[in-house]
Amino acid sequence: MLVTAKDMLNKALDENYAVGQFNINNLEWTKAVLETAQELNSPVILGVSEGAAKYMTGFKTVADMVKAMIDSMEITVPVALHLDHGSYEGAQKAIEAGFSSVMFDGSHYKIEENIEKTKEIVNIAHSKGISVEAEVGAIGGEEDGVVGNGEIADPAECKKIADLGIDFLAAGIGNIHGVYPENWKGLDFDALATIQKEVGKLPLVLHGGTGIPNDMIKEAISLGVSKINVNTECQLEFAKETRKYIEAGKDKEGKGFDPRKLLAPGTEGIKKVVKEKMELFGSVNKA
């Protein structure tokens, strides 16, 4: 059964750990994340970008697949299905399709419009018992064509958005999507502390979790970050393990070309990353 992300993140905030959001791209990805969460008795958030949803033929396909897999795999840990960086229209479609949580990313609008649209999404989602993530200040890097430069969110704007009754907030603190450049300055913990003071007891979200040093991750969690998004790292590991299998000529041995065999090493690679992150974030045995 799908749950909203609200309760699991409030619990994480109270108990000083973070829940991982692992973006899914297909059945193998979903299965790998769910299996690992169940094995480690950890709550988990399955993130789906609008691009990934389109690739999987739409929000309804994704929601139905995830619900069926939770059922058939007998998953008992809390699982939220969350729209990542949703547009105003996308958030409404995901709500209709049966997602249990949505992010409306209005960070590229002027703050007044971000407030107005976020407020509407909160009203629609909350009327159906669905949790909402909002964003202030672009997160660096590129995600579905939206580009940011590792910006720092304005704490006053964070408060305005937080006051709309959102359930968790993504605020830029110098983090970047994708692989971090060599000249990256690191996370701005002063900004994070100021934002946390402004918004009060609200779970904060760290986007672009790939490549942030472990000690920075731990410090961010101690300052109220309760949800950390991981995507690129799983993709890189999947590609690496798949390449290894093919370069070793395994696809030419017996029925090694069978997609179930071909995709198995990459799927194991995803599980390895998810396990490492859950241990780092402190969510093991918190289900």
C-alpha atoms as a PDB file:
ATOM      1  CA  MET A   1       0.000   0.000   0.000  1.00  0.00           C
ATOM      2  CA  LEU A   2       1.234   3.456  -0.886  1.00  0.00           C
ATOM      3  CA  VAL A   3       1.466   6.079   1.868  1.00  0.00           C
ATOM      4  CA  THR A   4       2.140   9.812   1.732  1.00  0.00           C
ATOM      5  CA  ALA A   5       5.631  11.049   2.447  1.00  0.00           C
ATOM      6  CA  LYS A   6       4.426  13.373   5.199  1.00  0.00           C
ATOM      7  CA  ASP A   7       4.465  11.039   8.204  1.00  0.00           C
ATOM      8  CA  MET A   8       7.683   9.257   7.237  1.00  0.00           C
ATOM      9  CA  LEU A   9       9.513  12.594   6.856  1.00  0.00           C
ATOM     10  CA  ASN A  10       8.153  14.077  10.076  1.00  0.00           C
ATOM     11  CA  LYS A  11       9.346  10.940  11.869  1.00  0.00           C
ATOM     12  CA  ALA A  12      12.744  11.276  10.170  1.00  0.00           C
ATOM     13  CA  LEU A  13      12.978  14.919  11.281  1.00  0.00           C
ATOM     14  CA  ASP A  14      12.077  13.996  14.879  1.00  0.00           C
ATOM     15  CA  GLU A  15      14.570  11.124  14.987  1.00  0.00           C
ATOM     16  CA  ASN A  16      17.390  12.809  13.062  1.00  0.00           C
ATOM     17  CA  TYR A  17      17.763  10.665   9.934  1.00  0.00           C
ATOM     18  CA  ALA A  18      16.745  11.079   6.297  1.00  0.00           C
ATOM     19  CA  VAL A  19      14.591   9.027   3.942  1.00  0.00           C
ATOM     20  CA  GLY A  20      16.038   8.439   0.489  1.00  0.00           C
ATOM     21  CA  GLN A  21      14.099   9.300  -2.639  1.00  0.00           C
ATOM     22  CA  PHE A  22      15.340   6.982  -5.371  1.00  0.00           C
ATOM     23  CA  ASN A  23      14.180   7.879  -8.857  1.00  0.00           C
ATOM     24  CA  ILE A  24      12.787   4.996 -10.879  1.00  0.00           C
ATOM     25  CA  ASN A  25      13.005   4.540 -14.645  1.00  0.00           C
ATOM     26  CA  ASN A  26      11.484   1.115 -15.309  1.00  0.00           C
ATOM     27  CA  LEU A  27      10.396  -2.157 -13.692  1.00  0.00           C
ATOM     28  CA  GLU A  28      13.946  -3.286 -12.806  1.00  0.00           C
ATOM     29  CA  TRP A  29      14.635   0.004 -11.055  1.00  0.00           C
ATOM     30  CA  THR A  30      11.423  -0.165  -9.051  1.00  0.00           C
ATOM     31  CA  LYS A  31      11.964  -3.785  -8.088  1.00  0.00           C
ATOM     32  CA  ALA A  32      15.575  -3.103  -6.978  1.00  0.00           C
ATOM     33  CA  VAL A  33      14.562  -0.169  -4.748  1.00  0.00           C
ATOM     34  CA  LEU A  34      11.555  -1.963  -3.213  1.00  0.00           C
ATOM     35  CA  GLU A  35      13.531  -5.167  -2.532  1.00  0.00           C
ATOM     36  CA  THR A  36      16.310  -3.216  -0.807  1.00  0.00           C
ATOM     37  CA  ALA A  37      13.893  -1.159   1.299  1.00  0.00           C
ATOM     38  CA  GLN A  38      12.141  -4.340   2.453  1.00  0.00           C
ATOM     39  CA  GLU A  39      15.445  -6.121   3.202  1.00  0.00           C
ATOM     40  CA  LEU A  40      16.711  -3.170   5.262  1.00  0.00           C
ATOM     41  CA  ASN A  41      13.316  -2.438   6.861  1.00  0.00           C
ATOM     42  CA  SER A  42      13.550   1.162   5.648  1.00  0.00           C
ATOM     43  CA  PRO A  43      10.865   3.611   4.542  1.00  0.00           C
ATOM     44  CA  VAL A  44      11.423   4.728   0.952  1.00  0.00           C
ATOM     45  CA  ILE A  45      10.267   7.306  -1.576  1.00  0.00           C
ATOM     46  CA  LEU A  46      10.085   6.342  -5.247  1.00  0.00           C
ATOM     47  CA  GLY A  47      10.718   9.478  -7.284  1.00  0.00           C
ATOM     48  CA  VAL A  48       9.399   9.853 -10.824  1.00  0.00           C
ATOM     49  CA  SER A  49      10.260  12.790 -13.058  1.00  0.00           C
ATOM     50  CA  GLU A  50       7.797  13.819 -15.749  1.00  0.00           C
ATOM     51  CA  GLY A  51      10.294  12.610 -18.361  1.00  0.00           C
ATOM     52  CA  ALA A  52      10.562   9.169 -16.743  1.00  0.00           C
ATOM     53  CA  ALA A  53       6.769   8.957 -16.431  1.00  0.00           C
ATOM     54  CA  LYS A  54       6.428   9.746 -20.134  1.00  0.00           C
ATOM     55  CA  TYR A  55       9.037   7.075 -20.940  1.00  0.00           C
ATOM     56  CA  MET A  56       6.993   4.556 -18.940  1.00  0.00           C
ATOM     57  CA  THR A  57       3.868   5.605 -20.946  1.00  0.00           C
ATOM     58  CA  GLY A  58       2.311   7.860 -18.309  1.00  0.00           C
ATOM     59  CA  PHE A  59       1.600   8.481 -14.645  1.00  0.00           C
ATOM     60  CA  LYS A  60      -1.187   5.894 -14.483  1.00  0.00           C
ATOM     61  CA  THR A  61       1.077   3.097 -15.778  1.00  0.00           C
ATOM     62  CA  VAL A  62       3.664   4.002 -13.137  1.00  0.00           C
ATOM     63  CA  ALA A  63       1.146   4.220 -10.273  1.00  0.00           C
ATOM     64  CA  ASP A  64      -0.545   0.943 -11.228  1.00  0.00           C
ATOM     65  CA  MET A  65       2.795  -0.858 -11.669  1.00  0.00           C
ATOM     66  CA  VAL A  66       4.111   0.333  -8.294  1.00  0.00           C
ATOM     67  CA  LYS A  67       0.901  -0.600  -6.459  1.00  0.00           C
ATOM     68  CA  ALA A  68       0.844  -4.040  -8.079  1.00  0.00           C
ATOM     69  CA  MET A  69       4.519  -4.638  -7.240  1.00  0.00           C
ATOM     70  CA  ILE A  70       4.044  -3.643  -3.598  1.00  0.00           C
ATOM     71  CA  ASP A  71       1.233  -6.186  -3.492  1.00  0.00           C
ATOM     72  CA  SER A  72       2.926  -9.041  -5.360  1.00  0.00           C
ATOM     73  CA  MET A  73       6.308  -8.549  -3.627  1.00  0.00           C
ATOM     74  CA  GLU A  74       4.553  -8.366  -0.226  1.00  0.00           C
ATOM     75  CA  ILE A  75       6.243  -5.074   0.652  1.00  0.00           C
ATOM     76  CA  THR A  76       5.350  -4.008   4.193  1.00  0.00           C
ATOM     77  CA  VAL A  77       7.641  -0.969   4.682  1.00  0.00           C
ATOM     78  CA  PRO A  78       6.174   2.508   4.032  1.00  0.00           C
ATOM     79  CA  VAL A  79       6.470   3.449   0.335  1.00  0.00           C
ATOM     80  CA  ALA A  80       5.570   6.845  -1.134  1.00  0.00           C
ATOM     81  CA  LEU A  81       5.262   7.387  -4.880  1.00  0.00           C
ATOM     82  CA  HIS A  82       6.385  10.960  -5.477  1.00  0.00           C
ATOM     83  CA  LEU A  83       6.375  13.192  -8.548  1.00  0.00           C
ATOM     84  CA  ASP A  84       9.815  14.818  -8.831  1.00  0.00           C
ATOM     85  CA  HIS A  85      10.064  18.416 -10.133  1.00  0.00           C
ATOM     86  CA  GLY A  86       6.471  18.462 -11.271  1.00  0.00           C
ATOM     87  CA  SER A  87       5.023  21.222 -13.389  1.00  0.00           C
ATOM     88  CA  TYR A  88       1.691  22.791 -12.421  1.00  0.00           C
ATOM     89  CA  GLU A  89      -0.146  20.560 -14.939  1.00  0.00           C
ATOM     90  CA  GLY A  90       2.030  17.514 -14.197  1.00  0.00           C
ATOM     91  CA  ALA A  91       1.342  17.675 -10.465  1.00  0.00           C
ATOM     92  CA  GLN A  92      -2.399  17.605 -11.102  1.00  0.00           C
ATOM     93  CA  LYS A  93      -2.082  14.669 -13.509  1.00  0.00           C
ATOM     94  CA  ALA A  94       0.024  12.677 -11.014  1.00  0.00           C
ATOM     95  CA  ILE A  95      -2.557  13.341  -8.288  1.00  0.00           C
ATOM     96  CA  GLU A  96      -5.322  12.043 -10.571  1.00  0.00           C
ATOM     97  CA  ALA A  97      -3.272   8.985 -11.551  1.00  0.00           C
ATOM     98  CA  GLY A  98      -2.861   7.820  -7.941  1.00  0.00           C
ATOM     99  CA  PHE A  99       0.536   9.117  -6.807  1.00  0.00           C
ATOM    100  CA  SER A 100       0.673   9.466  -3.023  1.00  0.00           C
ATOM    101  CA  SER A 101       2.928  12.538  -3.029  1.00  0.00           C
ATOM    102  CA  VAL A 102       3.844  15.315  -5.474  1.00  0.00           C
ATOM    103  CA  MET A 103       6.443  18.004  -5.860  1.00  0.00           C
ATOM    104  CA  PHE A 104       5.365  21.194  -7.536  1.00  0.00           C
ATOM    105  CA  ASP A 105       8.502  23.003  -8.665  1.00  0.00           C
ATOM    106  CA  GLY A 106       7.596  26.676  -9.065  1.00  0.00           C
ATOM    107  CA  SER A 107      11.155  27.855  -8.411  1.00  0.00           C
ATOM    108  CA  HIS A 108      11.530  29.268 -11.932  1.00  0.00           C
ATOM    109  CA  TYR A 109       8.488  31.537 -11.484  1.00  0.00           C
ATOM    110  CA  LYS A 110       8.612  34.869  -9.685  1.00  0.00           C
ATOM    111  CA  ILE A 111       7.932  34.285  -5.976  1.00  0.00           C
ATOM    112  CA  GLU A 112       4.330  35.640  -6.159  1.00  0.00           C
ATOM    113  CA  GLU A 113       3.422  33.172  -8.899  1.00  0.00           C
ATOM    114  CA  ASN A 114       5.249  30.341  -7.143  1.00  0.00           C
ATOM    115  CA  ILE A 115       3.167  31.091  -4.016  1.00  0.00           C
ATOM    116  CA  GLU A 116      -0.105  31.260  -5.950  1.00  0.00           C
ATOM    117  CA  LYS A 117       0.436  27.998  -7.845  1.00  0.00           C
ATOM    118  CA  THR A 118       1.893  26.130  -4.840  1.00  0.00           C
ATOM    119  CA  LYS A 119      -1.172  27.138  -2.808  1.00  0.00           C
ATOM    120  CA  GLU A 120      -3.511  25.661  -5.438  1.00  0.00           C
ATOM    121  CA  ILE A 121      -1.572  22.384  -5.623  1.00  0.00           C
ATOM    122  CA  VAL A 122      -1.570  22.146  -1.801  1.00  0.00           C
ATOM    123  CA  ASN A 123      -5.377  22.578  -1.750  1.00  0.00           C
ATOM    124  CA  ILE A 124      -5.960  19.937  -4.433  1.00  0.00           C
ATOM    125  CA  ALA A 125      -3.450  17.428  -2.991  1.00  0.00           C
ATOM    126  CA  HIS A 126      -4.441  17.820   0.659  1.00  0.00           C
ATOM    127  CA  SER A 127      -8.124  17.359  -0.194  1.00  0.00           C
ATOM    128  CA  LYS A 128      -7.121  13.871  -1.398  1.00  0.00           C
ATOM    129  CA  GLY A 129      -4.658  13.145   1.433  1.00  0.00           C
ATOM    130  CA  ILE A 130      -1.558  13.559  -0.759  1.00  0.00           C
ATOM    131  CA  SER A 131       1.666  15.180   0.483  1.00  0.00           C
ATOM    132  CA  VAL A 132       3.289  18.171  -1.253  1.00  0.00           C
ATOM    133  CA  GLU A 133       6.894  19.273  -1.727  1.00  0.00           C
ATOM    134  CA  ALA A 134       7.586  22.792  -2.980  1.00  0.00           C
ATOM    135  CA  GLU A 135      10.806  24.453  -4.101  1.00  0.00           C
ATOM    136  CA  VAL A 136      12.427  27.840  -3.621  1.00  0.00           C
ATOM    137  CA  GLY A 137      15.589  28.926  -5.428  1.00  0.00           C
ATOM    138  CA  ALA A 138      16.747  26.814  -8.355  1.00  0.00           C
ATOM    139  CA  ILE A 139      18.806  23.744  -7.534  1.00  0.00           C
ATOM    140  CA  GLY A 140      21.969  23.754  -9.657  1.00  0.00           C
ATOM    141  CA  GLY A 141      22.544  21.524 -12.674  1.00  0.00           C
ATOM    142  CA  GLU A 142      19.940  20.355 -15.160  1.00  0.00           C
ATOM    143  CA  GLU A 143      16.757  18.380 -14.594  1.00  0.00           C
ATOM    144  CA  ASP A 144      14.297  17.943 -17.444  1.00  0.00           C
ATOM    145  CA  GLY A 145      15.542  21.111 -19.142  1.00  0.00           C
ATOM    146  CA  VAL A 146      15.399  23.356 -16.048  1.00  0.00           C
ATOM    147  CA  VAL A 147      18.889  24.748 -15.401  1.00  0.00           C
ATOM    148  CA  GLY A 148      20.176  26.292 -12.166  1.00  0.00           C
ATOM    149  CA  ASN A 149      23.626  27.251 -10.877  1.00  0.00           C
ATOM    150  CA  GLY A 150      23.742  25.829  -7.392  1.00  0.00           C
ATOM    151  CA  GLU A 151      21.771  28.815  -6.133  1.00  0.00           C
ATOM    152  CA  ILE A 152      21.066  29.657  -2.535  1.00  0.00           C
ATOM    153  CA  ALA A 153      17.399  30.086  -1.619  1.00  0.00           C
ATOM    154  CA  ASP A 154      16.194  33.281   0.036  1.00  0.00           C
ATOM    155  CA  PRO A 155      15.153  32.376   3.625  1.00  0.00           C
ATOM    156  CA  ALA A 156      12.300  34.929   3.585  1.00  0.00           C
ATOM    157  CA  GLU A 157      10.893  33.343   0.416  1.00  0.00           C
ATOM    158  CA  CYS A 158      11.274  29.904   2.016  1.00  0.00           C
ATOM    159  CA  LYS A 159       9.114  31.075   4.910  1.00  0.00           C
ATOM    160  CA  LYS A 160       6.416  32.403   2.556  1.00  0.00           C
ATOM    161  CA  ILE A 161       6.213  29.040   0.782  1.00  0.00           C
ATOM    162  CA  ALA A 162       6.431  27.052   4.045  1.00  0.00           C
ATOM    163  CA  ASP A 163       3.512  29.053   5.451  1.00  0.00           C
ATOM    164  CA  LEU A 164       1.242  27.724   2.672  1.00  0.00           C
ATOM    165  CA  GLY A 165       0.983  24.416   4.531  1.00  0.00           C
ATOM    166  CA  ILE A 166       3.336  22.382   2.340  1.00  0.00           C
ATOM    167  CA  ASP A 167       4.629  19.129   3.853  1.00  0.00           C
ATOM    168  CA  PHE A 168       8.326  19.447   2.960  1.00  0.00           C
ATOM    169  CA  LEU A 169      10.525  22.017   1.259  1.00  0.00           C
ATOM    170  CA  ALA A 170      13.357  21.864  -1.275  1.00  0.00           C
ATOM    171  CA  ALA A 171      15.589  24.893  -0.848  1.00  0.00           C
ATOM    172  CA  GLY A 172      18.753  25.531  -2.815  1.00  0.00           C
ATOM    173  CA  ILE A 173      21.853  25.476  -0.595  1.00  0.00           C
ATOM    174  CA  GLY A 174      24.475  25.174  -3.325  1.00  0.00           C
ATOM    175  CA  ASN A 175      23.504  21.618  -4.343  1.00  0.00           C
ATOM    176  CA  ILE A 176      23.525  20.518  -7.983  1.00  0.00           C
ATOM    177  CA  HIS A 177      21.765  17.814 -10.020  1.00  0.00           C
ATOM    178  CA  GLY A 178      23.974  15.234 -11.689  1.00  0.00           C
ATOM    179  CA  VAL A 179      27.738  14.903 -11.327  1.00  0.00           C
ATOM    180  CA  TYR A 180      29.382  17.704  -9.335  1.00  0.00           C
ATOM    181  CA  PRO A 181      32.030  19.831 -11.114  1.00  0.00           C
ATOM    182  CA  GLU A 182      35.558  19.887  -9.680  1.00  0.00           C
ATOM    183  CA  ASN A 183      35.266  23.545  -8.669  1.00  0.00           C
ATOM    184  CA  TRP A 184      32.063  22.970  -6.623  1.00  0.00           C
ATOM    185  CA  LYS A 185      32.186  24.992  -3.404  1.00  0.00           C
ATOM    186  CA  GLY A 186      30.198  22.555  -1.264  1.00  0.00           C
ATOM    187  CA  LEU A 187      26.928  22.951   0.630  1.00  0.00           C
ATOM    188  CA  ASP A 188      26.228  26.256   2.377  1.00  0.00           C
ATOM    189  CA  PHE A 189      25.387  25.188   5.935  1.00  0.00           C
ATOM    190  CA  ASP A 190      24.939  28.770   7.163  1.00  0.00           C
ATOM    191  CA  ALA A 191      22.191  29.204   4.572  1.00  0.00           C
ATOM    192  CA  LEU A 192      20.649  25.883   5.597  1.00  0.00           C
ATOM    193  CA  ALA A 193      20.649  26.853   9.282  1.00  0.00           C
ATOM    194  CA  THR A 194      19.040  30.239   8.486  1.00  0.00           C
ATOM    195  CA  ILE A 195      16.382  28.590   6.296  1.00  0.00           C
ATOM    196  CA  GLN A 196      15.614  26.066   9.009  1.00  0.00           C
ATOM    197  CA  LYS A 197      15.205  28.844  11.571  1.00  0.00           C
ATOM    198  CA  GLU A 198      12.779  30.669   9.261  1.00  0.00           C
ATOM    199  CA  VAL A 199      10.586  27.684   8.345  1.00  0.00           C
ATOM    200  CA  GLY A 200      10.487  26.077  11.790  1.00  0.00           C
ATOM    201  CA  LYS A 201       9.664  22.405  12.170  1.00  0.00           C
ATOM    202  CA  LEU A 202       9.426  21.432   8.503  1.00  0.00           C
ATOM    203  CA  PRO A 203      11.313  18.592   6.801  1.00  0.00           C
ATOM    204  CA  LEU A 204      13.820  19.956   4.282  1.00  0.00           C
ATOM    205  CA  VAL A 205      14.834  18.229   1.059  1.00  0.00           C
ATOM    206  CA  LEU A 206      18.287  17.922  -0.458  1.00  0.00           C
ATOM    207  CA  HIS A 207      18.163  17.475  -4.226  1.00  0.00           C
ATOM    208  CA  GLY A 208      21.199  16.308  -6.153  1.00  0.00           C
ATOM    209  CA  GLY A 209      22.356  13.780  -3.551  1.00  0.00           C
ATOM    210  CA  THR A 210      24.864  12.163  -5.935  1.00  0.00           C
ATOM    211  CA  GLY A 211      28.443  13.117  -5.214  1.00  0.00           C
ATOM    212  CA  ILE A 212      27.925  15.130  -2.023  1.00  0.00           C
ATOM    213  CA  PRO A 213      30.598  13.945   0.460  1.00  0.00           C
ATOM    214  CA  ASN A 214      29.256  11.758   3.283  1.00  0.00           C
ATOM    215  CA  ASP A 215      30.254  14.160   6.062  1.00  0.00           C
ATOM    216  CA  MET A 216      28.282  16.954   4.353  1.00  0.00           C
ATOM    217  CA  ILE A 217      25.264  14.655   4.027  1.00  0.00           C
ATOM    218  CA  LYS A 218      25.426  13.884   7.758  1.00  0.00           C
ATOM    219  CA  GLU A 219      25.740  17.564   8.663  1.00  0.00           C
ATOM    220  CA  ALA A 220      22.774  18.427   6.431  1.00  0.00           C
ATOM    221  CA  ILE A 221      20.680  15.751   8.209  1.00  0.00           C
ATOM    222  CA  SER A 222      21.646  17.238  11.576  1.00  0.00           C
ATOM    223  CA  LEU A 223      20.310  20.606  10.318  1.00  0.00           C
ATOM    224  CA  GLY A 224      16.844  19.328   9.391  1.00  0.00           C
ATOM    225  CA  VAL A 225      17.286  17.677   5.982  1.00  0.00           C
ATOM    226  CA  SER A 226      14.908  14.708   6.118  1.00  0.00           C
ATOM    227  CA  LYS A 227      14.690  13.688   2.451  1.00  0.00           C
ATOM    228  CA  ILE A 228      17.631  13.201   0.099  1.00  0.00           C
ATOM    229  CA  ASN A 229      17.189  12.565  -3.613  1.00  0.00           C
ATOM    230  CA  VAL A 230      19.393  10.041  -5.397  1.00  0.00           C
ATOM    231  CA  ASN A 231      19.199   9.403  -9.126  1.00  0.00           C
ATOM    232  CA  THR A 232      22.432   9.829 -11.114  1.00  0.00           C
ATOM    233  CA  GLU A 233      24.423   7.491  -8.866  1.00  0.00           C
ATOM    234  CA  CYS A 234      22.026   4.592  -9.518  1.00  0.00           C
ATOM    235  CA  GLN A 235      22.134   5.290 -13.257  1.00  0.00           C
ATOM    236  CA  LEU A 236      25.938   5.334 -13.333  1.00  0.00           C
ATOM    237  CA  GLU A 237      26.166   2.063 -11.390  1.00  0.00           C
ATOM    238  CA  PHE A 238      23.551   0.405 -13.617  1.00  0.00           C
ATOM    239  CA  ALA A 239      25.484   1.443 -16.735  1.00  0.00           C
ATOM    240  CA  LYS A 240      28.825   0.329 -15.267  1.00  0.00           C
ATOM    241  CA  GLU A 241      27.608  -3.158 -14.324  1.00  0.00           C
ATOM    242  CA  THR A 242      25.805  -3.632 -17.654  1.00  0.00           C
ATOM    243  CA  ARG A 243      28.946  -2.606 -19.555  1.00  0.00           C
ATOM    244  CA  LYS A 244      31.028  -5.069 -17.519  1.00  0.00           C
ATOM    245  CA  TYR A 245      28.642  -7.928 -18.372  1.00  0.00           C
ATOM    246  CA  ILE A 246      28.725  -7.199 -22.102  1.00  0.00           C
ATOM    247  CA  GLU A 247      32.459  -6.490 -22.281  1.00  0.00           C
ATOM    248  CA  ALA A 248      33.092  -9.831 -20.588  1.00  0.00           C
ATOM    249  CA  GLY A 249      31.104 -11.447 -23.427  1.00  0.00           C
ATOM    250  CA  LYS A 250      28.522 -12.862 -21.020  1.00  0.00           C
ATOM    251  CA  ASP A 251      25.685 -11.996 -23.413  1.00  0.00           C
ATOM    252  CA  LYS A 252      27.206 -14.478 -25.890  1.00  0.00           C
ATOM    253  CA  GLU A 253      27.346 -17.378 -23.426  1.00  0.00           C
ATOM    254  CA  GLY A 254      24.291 -19.658 -23.569  1.00  0.00           C
ATOM    255  CA  LYS A 255      21.161 -17.560 -23.106  1.00  0.00           C
ATOM    256  CA  GLY A 256      23.127 -14.605 -21.731  1.00  0.00           C
ATOM    257  CA  PHE A 257      21.324 -12.323 -24.175  1.00  0.00           C
ATOM    258  CA  ASP A 258      18.022 -12.879 -22.335  1.00  0.00           C
ATOM    259  CA  PRO A 259      17.079  -9.410 -21.018  1.00  0.00           C
ATOM    260  CA  ARG A 260      16.459 -10.901 -17.571  1.00  0.00           C
ATOM    261  CA  LYS A 261      20.103 -12.010 -17.490  1.00  0.00           C
ATOM    262  CA  LEU A 262      21.417  -8.966 -19.302  1.00  0.00           C
ATOM    263  CA  LEU A 263      19.781  -6.537 -16.880  1.00  0.00           C
ATOM    264  CA  ALA A 264      20.496  -8.524 -13.687  1.00  0.00           C
ATOM    265  CA  PRO A 265      24.013  -7.151 -12.943  1.00  0.00           C
ATOM    266  CA  GLY A 266      22.846  -3.546 -13.410  1.00  0.00           C
ATOM    267  CA  THR A 267      19.849  -4.193 -11.170  1.00  0.00           C
ATOM    268  CA  GLU A 268      22.176  -5.592  -8.475  1.00  0.00           C
ATOM    269  CA  GLY A 269      24.269  -2.432  -8.898  1.00  0.00           C
ATOM    270  CA  ILE A 270      21.229  -0.273  -8.145  1.00  0.00           C
ATOM    271  CA  LYS A 271      20.524  -2.336  -5.010  1.00  0.00           C
ATOM    272  CA  LYS A 272      24.103  -1.800  -3.846  1.00  0.00           C
ATOM    273  CA  VAL A 273      23.797   1.998  -4.185  1.00  0.00           C
ATOM    274  CA  VAL A 274      20.386   2.079  -2.492  1.00  0.00           C
ATOM    275  CA  LYS A 275      21.709   0.005   0.431  1.00  0.00           C
ATOM    276  CA  GLU A 276      24.755   2.260   0.879  1.00  0.00           C
ATOM    277  CA  LYS A 277      22.561   5.365   0.852  1.00  0.00           C
ATOM    278  CA  MET A 278      19.991   3.983   3.287  1.00  0.00           C
ATOM    279  CA  GLU A 279      22.805   3.123   5.693  1.00  0.00           C
ATOM    280  CA  LEU A 280      24.344   6.591   5.278  1.00  0.00           C
ATOM    281  CA  PHE A 281      21.010   8.394   5.686  1.00  0.00           C
ATOM    282  CA  GLY A 282      20.190   6.387   8.838  1.00  0.00           C
ATOM    283  CA  SER A 283      16.816   5.035   7.646  1.00  0.00           C
ATOM    284  CA  VAL A 284      17.640   1.330   8.156  1.00  0.00           C
ATOM    285  CA  ASN A 285      15.152  -0.323  10.556  1.00  0.00           C
ATOM    286  CA  LYS A 286      13.064   2.868  10.740  1.00  0.00           C
ATOM    287  CA  ALA A 287      10.063   1.425   8.874  1.00  0.00           C
END
